Amino acid sequence: MATTPNLHRRINDRPLYLLAAVIVPLVVLAGFARTYYLKGYFATPALPSVIVHIHGLVMTAWVVLFIVQVTLVAKRKTKLHQRLGILGACLAALVFIVGILTALYAAARVTSDPNSVNLNPPPLPFLIIPLGDMVAFAILIGTALYYRKRLDIHKRLMLVAAVNITVPAIARIPLSFITNGGPLAFFGVADLILLGFVAFDTIRHKRLHPAFVWSVAFVILFQPLRIVLAGTHAWTSFAAALVRLVQ
């Protein structure tokens, strides 16, 4: 009898995570279709380096694994879900490492162009956006793995991490308000998706889960903090030092 309420809650959670397993890959596809997944149908330039190819493969593997893990839980195949969790931890580390390197190599490539001083946004201040995404991802995933035996916390942190990682894809969706809106637009869309999931969960459980409170607050507050720091001399100097490591 004691296990019945917990089982009921898990069943009720399925629609939320299955919805996330549909929305997250659709957002990624919408953002990277023109430049990666369906680039053969569009007149987009070739990928500039090997690291970008690797980044695309690693991120695709992460999204596929997210879908698989959600599906396994929905089908109550928790043992296989747990075994794949080891692979997920390794893949998450790879996402972080490759994501950092891709951002640094992209900034190095752009700054080596003599016309980069005229770019808007400038590459070194903008570098705080992708690097910050990776830092937030690492913190969320690391905390989710720490709480892997607290399923109610674990799965919510994994959901927040999955939405947070869609920011680069959202920034590339060819809609004018995103293209012209800059960080305010692509962060805003990601936040709306995230808050929609939180609202869905809160209404369903008739309470706002504490894991959502602090993780969503962290993600949202970290966004304007990066924008403020991006324009400082301290960040520009730090970013320039990081870029020199890969030049």
Foldseek 3Di string as FASTA:
>chain_A
DVCVVVVVVLQLCLVLLLVLLVVLVVLLCLQCCCPPVVVVVHPDDDDDDPLVVVLVVLVVVLSVLSNVLSVCVNVVVVVVSVVCVVVNVVSLVVNLVSLLVVLLVVLLVLVVDPCLVVDVPRSQLCSLVSNVLSVLLCVLQVVLVVVVVVVVLNVLSVSLSSLSVSLSSQCRRPDVCSVPVPLVVSLVVSLVVLVVSQVVSCVSVVHRDPSSVVSSVVSNVSSVVSVVVSPDPVSSVVSVVSSVVVD
